[in-house]
Amino acid sequence: MKILVVDDMPLMRHVLINMLRKLEYSNIVEATDGLQALVFLRNQHFDLVITDLHMPKMDGVSLLTNIRKDNELADIPVLMVTCEDSTDKVKQVIAAKVSGFIVKPFNMNVLSSQLNRFFFKD
């Protein structure tokens, strides 16, 4: 399984990647914003995208919208990581067809349960 982790904060990417590795996911690529993520998505196969909501250049909603309107990418599960509590923003993300939410702060059990919704490891 190949996972793309997208976040403009290096520390957050590091935390997520360490959690994923502890959960025995090792094929992980990181991107610093939605624009870089789209380049990676169009040039490599990914089984899952975990993205932050708030990022410069291209935020998580714009990234999700671009993924969903691209026939080659549309079926990739996308987990949105956010501390957002605005009802309007959450509705916008749901309308963009997000696969799941992870609310900051979170722990490895929360991440694991979200991943298990999409994948069952051998």
N, C-alpha and C. Protein backbone atom coordinates (compact mmCIF):
# COMPACT_ATOMS: atom_id res chain seq x y z
N MET A 1 0.84 -1.18 0.00
CA MET A 1 0.00 0.00 0.00
C MET A 1 0.89 1.24 0.00
N LYS A 2 0.57 2.18 -0.87
CA LYS A 2 1.35 3.42 -0.97
C LYS A 2 0.48 4.59 -0.51
N ILE A 3 1.00 5.37 0.44
CA ILE A 3 0.25 6.46 1.05
C ILE A 3 0.95 7.78 0.79
N LEU A 4 0.17 8.79 0.41
CA LEU A 4 0.68 10.15 0.23
C LEU A 4 0.22 10.99 1.42
N VAL A 5 1.18 11.55 2.15
CA VAL A 5 0.90 12.41 3.30
C VAL A 5 1.17 13.85 2.87
N VAL A 6 0.15 14.71 2.98
CA VAL A 6 0.25 16.09 2.51
C VAL A 6 0.00 17.05 3.67
N ASP A 7 1.03 17.83 4.00
CA ASP A 7 0.89 18.82 5.07
C ASP A 7 2.03 19.82 4.94
N ASP A 8 1.74 21.09 5.12
CA ASP A 8 2.77 22.12 5.01
C ASP A 8 3.65 22.19 6.26
N MET A 9 3.25 21.56 7.33
CA MET A 9 4.00 21.59 8.58
C MET A 9 4.89 20.34 8.68
N PRO A 10 6.22 20.51 8.61
CA PRO A 10 7.11 19.35 8.67
C PRO A 10 6.89 18.48 9.91
N LEU A 11 6.64 19.10 11.05
CA LEU A 11 6.44 18.33 12.27
C LEU A 11 5.20 17.43 12.16
N MET A 12 4.13 17.96 11.60
CA MET A 12 2.90 17.17 11.45
C MET A 12 3.12 16.00 10.49
N ARG A 13 3.83 16.25 9.39
CA ARG A 13 4.14 15.16 8.46
C ARG A 13 4.96 14.08 9.18
N HIS A 14 5.93 14.52 9.96
CA HIS A 14 6.80 13.59 10.69
C HIS A 14 5.98 12.74 11.67
N VAL A 15 5.10 13.37 12.41
CA VAL A 15 4.25 12.65 13.37
C VAL A 15 3.38 11.62 12.65
N LEU A 16 2.73 12.04 11.57
CA LEU A 16 1.86 11.14 10.81
C LEU A 16 2.65 9.97 10.23
N ILE A 17 3.80 10.26 9.65
CA ILE A 17 4.61 9.21 9.03
C ILE A 17 5.10 8.23 10.10
N ASN A 18 5.51 8.73 11.25
CA ASN A 18 5.93 7.83 12.34
C ASN A 18 4.78 6.94 12.80
N MET A 19 3.58 7.51 12.92
CA MET A 19 2.42 6.70 13.30
C MET A 19 2.15 5.62 12.24
N LEU A 20 2.20 6.01 10.97
CA LEU A 20 1.96 5.05 9.89
C LEU A 20 2.98 3.92 9.93
N ARG A 21 4.24 4.27 10.15
CA ARG A 21 5.29 3.24 10.22
C ARG A 21 5.06 2.30 11.40
N LYS A 22 4.63 2.84 12.54
CA LYS A 22 4.33 1.98 13.69
C LYS A 22 3.16 1.05 13.41
N LEU A 23 2.28 1.48 12.50
CA LEU A 23 1.15 0.65 12.09
C LEU A 23 1.52 -0.27 10.92
N GLU A 24 2.82 -0.30 10.61
CA GLU A 24 3.40 -1.17 9.59
C GLU A 24 3.06 -0.79 8.16
N TYR A 25 2.83 0.48 7.95
CA TYR A 25 2.73 1.02 6.59
C TYR A 25 4.08 1.67 6.30
N SER A 26 4.76 1.19 5.27
CA SER A 26 6.12 1.68 5.05
C SER A 26 6.30 2.42 3.73
N ASN A 27 5.39 2.26 2.78
CA ASN A 27 5.52 2.91 1.48
C ASN A 27 4.81 4.26 1.53
N ILE A 28 5.53 5.28 2.01
CA ILE A 28 4.95 6.59 2.29
C ILE A 28 5.71 7.67 1.54
N VAL A 29 4.97 8.56 0.89
CA VAL A 29 5.56 9.71 0.20
C VAL A 29 4.97 10.95 0.85
N GLU A 30 5.78 12.00 0.99
CA GLU A 30 5.26 13.23 1.59
C GLU A 30 5.29 14.39 0.61
N ALA A 31 4.28 15.24 0.72
CA ALA A 31 4.17 16.46 -0.09
C ALA A 31 3.92 17.62 0.86
N THR A 32 4.40 18.81 0.46
CA THR A 32 4.30 19.98 1.34
C THR A 32 3.05 20.82 1.09
N ASP A 33 2.34 20.57 0.00
CA ASP A 33 1.10 21.30 -0.29
C ASP A 33 0.32 20.55 -1.36
N GLY A 34 -0.88 21.04 -1.64
CA GLY A 34 -1.75 20.38 -2.61
C GLY A 34 -1.20 20.37 -4.03
N LEU A 35 -0.49 21.41 -4.41
CA LEU A 35 0.08 21.46 -5.77
C LEU A 35 1.12 20.36 -5.96
N GLN A 36 2.02 20.23 -4.99
CA GLN A 36 3.02 19.18 -5.07
C GLN A 36 2.35 17.80 -5.03
N ALA A 37 1.33 17.66 -4.21
CA ALA A 37 0.61 16.39 -4.12
C ALA A 37 -0.01 16.00 -5.46
N LEU A 38 -0.61 16.95 -6.16
CA LEU A 38 -1.21 16.65 -7.46
C LEU A 38 -0.17 16.17 -8.46
N VAL A 39 1.02 16.76 -8.45
CA VAL A 39 2.09 16.31 -9.33
C VAL A 39 2.43 14.85 -9.02
N PHE A 40 2.60 14.53 -7.74
CA PHE A 40 2.89 13.16 -7.35
C PHE A 40 1.76 12.22 -7.76
N LEU A 41 0.51 12.62 -7.52
CA LEU A 41 -0.64 11.77 -7.83
C LEU A 41 -0.76 11.49 -9.32
N ARG A 42 -0.36 12.43 -10.14
CA ARG A 42 -0.47 12.24 -11.60
C ARG A 42 0.70 11.44 -12.17
N ASN A 43 1.74 11.23 -11.36
CA ASN A 43 2.92 10.51 -11.85
C ASN A 43 3.20 9.20 -11.13
N GLN A 44 2.47 8.93 -10.05
CA GLN A 44 2.66 7.69 -9.29
C GLN A 44 1.30 7.17 -8.86
N HIS A 45 1.25 5.87 -8.57
CA HIS A 45 0.02 5.28 -8.04
C HIS A 45 0.03 5.38 -6.51
N PHE A 46 -1.07 5.83 -5.94
CA PHE A 46 -1.25 5.86 -4.49
C PHE A 46 -2.55 5.17 -4.12
N ASP A 47 -2.55 4.52 -2.96
CA ASP A 47 -3.74 3.83 -2.47
C ASP A 47 -4.54 4.69 -1.50
N LEU A 48 -3.91 5.76 -0.98
CA LEU A 48 -4.55 6.60 0.01
C LEU A 48 -3.85 7.95 0.06
N VAL A 49 -4.62 9.02 0.26
CA VAL A 49 -4.07 10.35 0.50
C VAL A 49 -4.54 10.80 1.88
N ILE A 50 -3.59 11.24 2.71
CA ILE A 50 -3.91 11.84 4.00
C ILE A 50 -3.45 13.29 3.90
N THR A 51 -4.39 14.23 3.95
CA THR A 51 -4.04 15.63 3.73
C THR A 51 -4.57 16.55 4.83
N ASP A 52 -3.79 17.57 5.09
CA ASP A 52 -4.22 18.63 5.98
C ASP A 52 -5.27 19.47 5.25
N LEU A 53 -6.11 20.14 5.98
CA LEU A 53 -7.11 21.02 5.38
C LEU A 53 -6.50 22.37 5.02
N HIS A 54 -5.79 22.98 5.96
CA HIS A 54 -5.27 24.33 5.75
C HIS A 54 -3.81 24.28 5.34
N MET A 55 -3.54 24.67 4.07
CA MET A 55 -2.17 24.71 3.54
C MET A 55 -2.07 25.88 2.57
N PRO A 56 -0.85 26.42 2.39
CA PRO A 56 -0.66 27.46 1.37
C PRO A 56 -0.68 26.84 -0.03
N LYS A 57 -0.73 27.69 -1.04
CA LYS A 57 -0.71 27.30 -2.45
C LYS A 57 -1.98 26.58 -2.88
N MET A 58 -2.28 25.42 -2.26
CA MET A 58 -3.52 24.71 -2.53
C MET A 58 -3.93 23.99 -1.26
N ASP A 59 -5.11 24.33 -0.73
CA ASP A 59 -5.56 23.71 0.52
C ASP A 59 -6.14 22.33 0.29
N GLY A 60 -6.52 21.68 1.37
CA GLY A 60 -7.03 20.32 1.30
C GLY A 60 -8.32 20.18 0.51
N VAL A 61 -9.22 21.15 0.61
CA VAL A 61 -10.48 21.08 -0.14
C VAL A 61 -10.20 21.18 -1.64
N SER A 62 -9.32 22.08 -2.04
CA SER A 62 -8.97 22.21 -3.46
C SER A 62 -8.28 20.95 -3.98
N LEU A 63 -7.40 20.39 -3.16
CA LEU A 63 -6.75 19.13 -3.54
C LEU A 63 -7.79 18.04 -3.71
N LEU A 64 -8.68 17.90 -2.75
CA LEU A 64 -9.73 16.89 -2.82
C LEU A 64 -10.61 17.09 -4.05
N THR A 65 -10.99 18.33 -4.34
CA THR A 65 -11.81 18.62 -5.51
C THR A 65 -11.08 18.22 -6.80
N ASN A 66 -9.81 18.51 -6.89
CA ASN A 66 -9.01 18.13 -8.06
C ASN A 66 -8.90 16.62 -8.20
N ILE A 67 -8.74 15.92 -7.08
CA ILE A 67 -8.68 14.46 -7.12
C ILE A 67 -10.00 13.89 -7.61
N ARG A 68 -11.11 14.38 -7.06
CA ARG A 68 -12.43 13.83 -7.41
C ARG A 68 -12.84 14.11 -8.86
N LYS A 69 -12.35 15.20 -9.45
CA LYS A 69 -12.76 15.51 -10.84
C LYS A 69 -11.82 14.87 -11.87
N ASP A 70 -10.74 14.21 -11.43
CA ASP A 70 -9.81 13.54 -12.33
C ASP A 70 -10.18 12.05 -12.39
N ASN A 71 -10.60 11.58 -13.56
CA ASN A 71 -11.06 10.19 -13.69
C ASN A 71 -10.03 9.17 -13.24
N GLU A 72 -8.76 9.48 -13.41
CA GLU A 72 -7.69 8.55 -13.01
C GLU A 72 -7.52 8.49 -11.49
N LEU A 73 -7.90 9.55 -10.79
CA LEU A 73 -7.65 9.66 -9.35
C LEU A 73 -8.90 9.58 -8.50
N ALA A 74 -10.06 9.71 -9.12
CA ALA A 74 -11.32 9.93 -8.40
C ALA A 74 -11.64 8.91 -7.31
N ASP A 75 -11.17 7.68 -7.46
CA ASP A 75 -11.53 6.63 -6.51
C ASP A 75 -10.55 6.48 -5.34
N ILE A 76 -9.49 7.30 -5.31
CA ILE A 76 -8.52 7.20 -4.22
C ILE A 76 -9.17 7.72 -2.93
N PRO A 77 -9.12 6.93 -1.85
CA PRO A 77 -9.63 7.43 -0.58
C PRO A 77 -8.79 8.61 -0.09
N VAL A 78 -9.47 9.63 0.45
CA VAL A 78 -8.79 10.82 0.98
C VAL A 78 -9.26 11.04 2.41
N LEU A 79 -8.28 11.03 3.33
CA LEU A 79 -8.54 11.37 4.72
C LEU A 79 -8.12 12.81 4.95
N MET A 80 -9.00 13.61 5.50
CA MET A 80 -8.73 15.01 5.78
C MET A 80 -8.36 15.16 7.26
N VAL A 81 -7.21 15.76 7.52
CA VAL A 81 -6.76 16.02 8.88
C VAL A 81 -6.99 17.50 9.17
N THR A 82 -7.71 17.78 10.26
CA THR A 82 -8.05 19.17 10.53
C THR A 82 -8.34 19.42 12.00
N CYS A 83 -8.17 20.65 12.40
CA CYS A 83 -8.65 21.07 13.73
C CYS A 83 -9.86 21.99 13.53
N GLU A 84 -10.35 22.05 12.31
CA GLU A 84 -11.48 22.90 11.93
C GLU A 84 -12.74 22.49 12.67
N ASP A 85 -13.43 23.48 13.22
CA ASP A 85 -14.71 23.18 13.87
C ASP A 85 -15.84 24.01 13.27
N SER A 86 -15.56 24.70 12.17
CA SER A 86 -16.59 25.47 11.50
C SER A 86 -17.53 24.53 10.74
N THR A 87 -18.81 24.61 11.05
CA THR A 87 -19.79 23.75 10.40
C THR A 87 -19.78 23.96 8.89
N ASP A 88 -19.67 25.20 8.44
CA ASP A 88 -19.66 25.48 7.00
C ASP A 88 -18.47 24.82 6.31
N LYS A 89 -17.30 24.88 6.92
CA LYS A 89 -16.10 24.29 6.33
C LYS A 89 -16.23 22.77 6.29
N VAL A 90 -16.73 22.18 7.36
CA VAL A 90 -16.92 20.73 7.41
C VAL A 90 -17.91 20.30 6.32
N LYS A 91 -19.00 21.05 6.15
CA LYS A 91 -19.97 20.74 5.10
C LYS A 91 -19.33 20.83 3.72
N GLN A 92 -18.45 21.82 3.53
CA GLN A 92 -17.76 21.99 2.26
C GLN A 92 -16.88 20.77 1.96
N VAL A 93 -16.17 20.29 2.97
CA VAL A 93 -15.31 19.12 2.79
C VAL A 93 -16.14 17.87 2.49
N ILE A 94 -17.25 17.70 3.19
CA ILE A 94 -18.14 16.56 2.94
C ILE A 94 -18.71 16.64 1.53
N ALA A 95 -19.11 17.83 1.10
CA ALA A 95 -19.65 18.02 -0.25
C ALA A 95 -18.61 17.69 -1.32
N ALA A 96 -17.33 17.88 -1.00
CA ALA A 96 -16.26 17.57 -1.94
C ALA A 96 -15.93 16.07 -1.95
N LYS A 97 -16.70 15.29 -1.21
CA LYS A 97 -16.61 13.83 -1.19
C LYS A 97 -15.36 13.31 -0.49
N VAL A 98 -15.08 13.84 0.69
CA VAL A 98 -13.99 13.32 1.49
C VAL A 98 -14.35 11.91 1.96
N SER A 99 -13.33 11.07 2.10
CA SER A 99 -13.57 9.68 2.53
C SER A 99 -13.64 9.56 4.05
N GLY A 100 -12.98 10.48 4.76
CA GLY A 100 -12.99 10.43 6.21
C GLY A 100 -12.28 11.63 6.81
N PHE A 101 -12.50 11.84 8.10
CA PHE A 101 -11.90 12.95 8.84
C PHE A 101 -11.05 12.41 9.97
N ILE A 102 -9.95 13.10 10.23
CA ILE A 102 -9.20 12.89 11.46
C ILE A 102 -9.07 14.28 12.09
N VAL A 103 -9.56 14.42 13.31
CA VAL A 103 -9.56 15.71 13.97
C VAL A 103 -8.33 15.81 14.88
N LYS A 104 -7.58 16.91 14.73
CA LYS A 104 -6.41 17.16 15.59
C LYS A 104 -6.89 17.64 16.96
N PRO A 105 -6.23 17.27 18.02
CA PRO A 105 -5.15 16.29 18.06
C PRO A 105 -5.73 14.88 18.01
N PHE A 106 -4.94 13.93 17.49
CA PHE A 106 -5.40 12.55 17.40
C PHE A 106 -4.25 11.63 17.81
N ASN A 107 -4.60 10.37 18.05
CA ASN A 107 -3.58 9.39 18.42
C ASN A 107 -3.55 8.25 17.40
N MET A 108 -2.65 7.30 17.63
CA MET A 108 -2.47 6.22 16.68
C MET A 108 -3.73 5.34 16.56
N ASN A 109 -4.49 5.19 17.63
CA ASN A 109 -5.71 4.38 17.57
C ASN A 109 -6.73 5.01 16.62
N VAL A 110 -6.85 6.33 16.65
CA VAL A 110 -7.78 7.04 15.76
C VAL A 110 -7.33 6.84 14.31
N LEU A 111 -6.04 7.03 14.06
CA LEU A 111 -5.52 6.83 12.71
C LEU A 111 -5.73 5.40 12.24
N SER A 112 -5.43 4.45 13.09
CA SER A 112 -5.59 3.03 12.75
C SER A 112 -7.04 2.70 12.41
N SER A 113 -7.98 3.19 13.20
CA SER A 113 -9.39 2.88 12.93
C SER A 113 -9.85 3.49 11.61
N GLN A 114 -9.35 4.68 11.28
CA GLN A 114 -9.68 5.29 9.99
C GLN A 114 -9.09 4.45 8.84
N LEU A 115 -7.84 4.05 8.97
CA LEU A 115 -7.20 3.25 7.93
C LEU A 115 -7.91 1.90 7.75
N ASN A 116 -8.34 1.30 8.84
CA ASN A 116 -9.03 0.02 8.77
C ASN A 116 -10.37 0.11 8.05
N ARG A 117 -10.92 1.29 7.97
CA ARG A 117 -12.16 1.47 7.21
C ARG A 117 -11.92 1.25 5.71
N PHE A 118 -10.69 1.47 5.27
CA PHE A 118 -10.37 1.37 3.84
C PHE A 118 -9.58 0.11 3.50
N PHE A 119 -8.74 -0.32 4.42
CA PHE A 119 -7.79 -1.39 4.10
C PHE A 119 -7.69 -2.39 5.23
N PHE A 120 -7.56 -3.62 4.85
CA PHE A 120 -7.27 -4.67 5.83
C PHE A 120 -5.92 -5.24 5.46
N LYS A 121 -4.95 -5.03 6.37
CA LYS A 121 -3.61 -5.53 6.10
C LYS A 121 -3.59 -7.05 6.27
N ASP A 122 -2.71 -7.69 5.49
CA ASP A 122 -2.55 -9.15 5.60
C ASP A 122 -1.85 -9.54 6.88
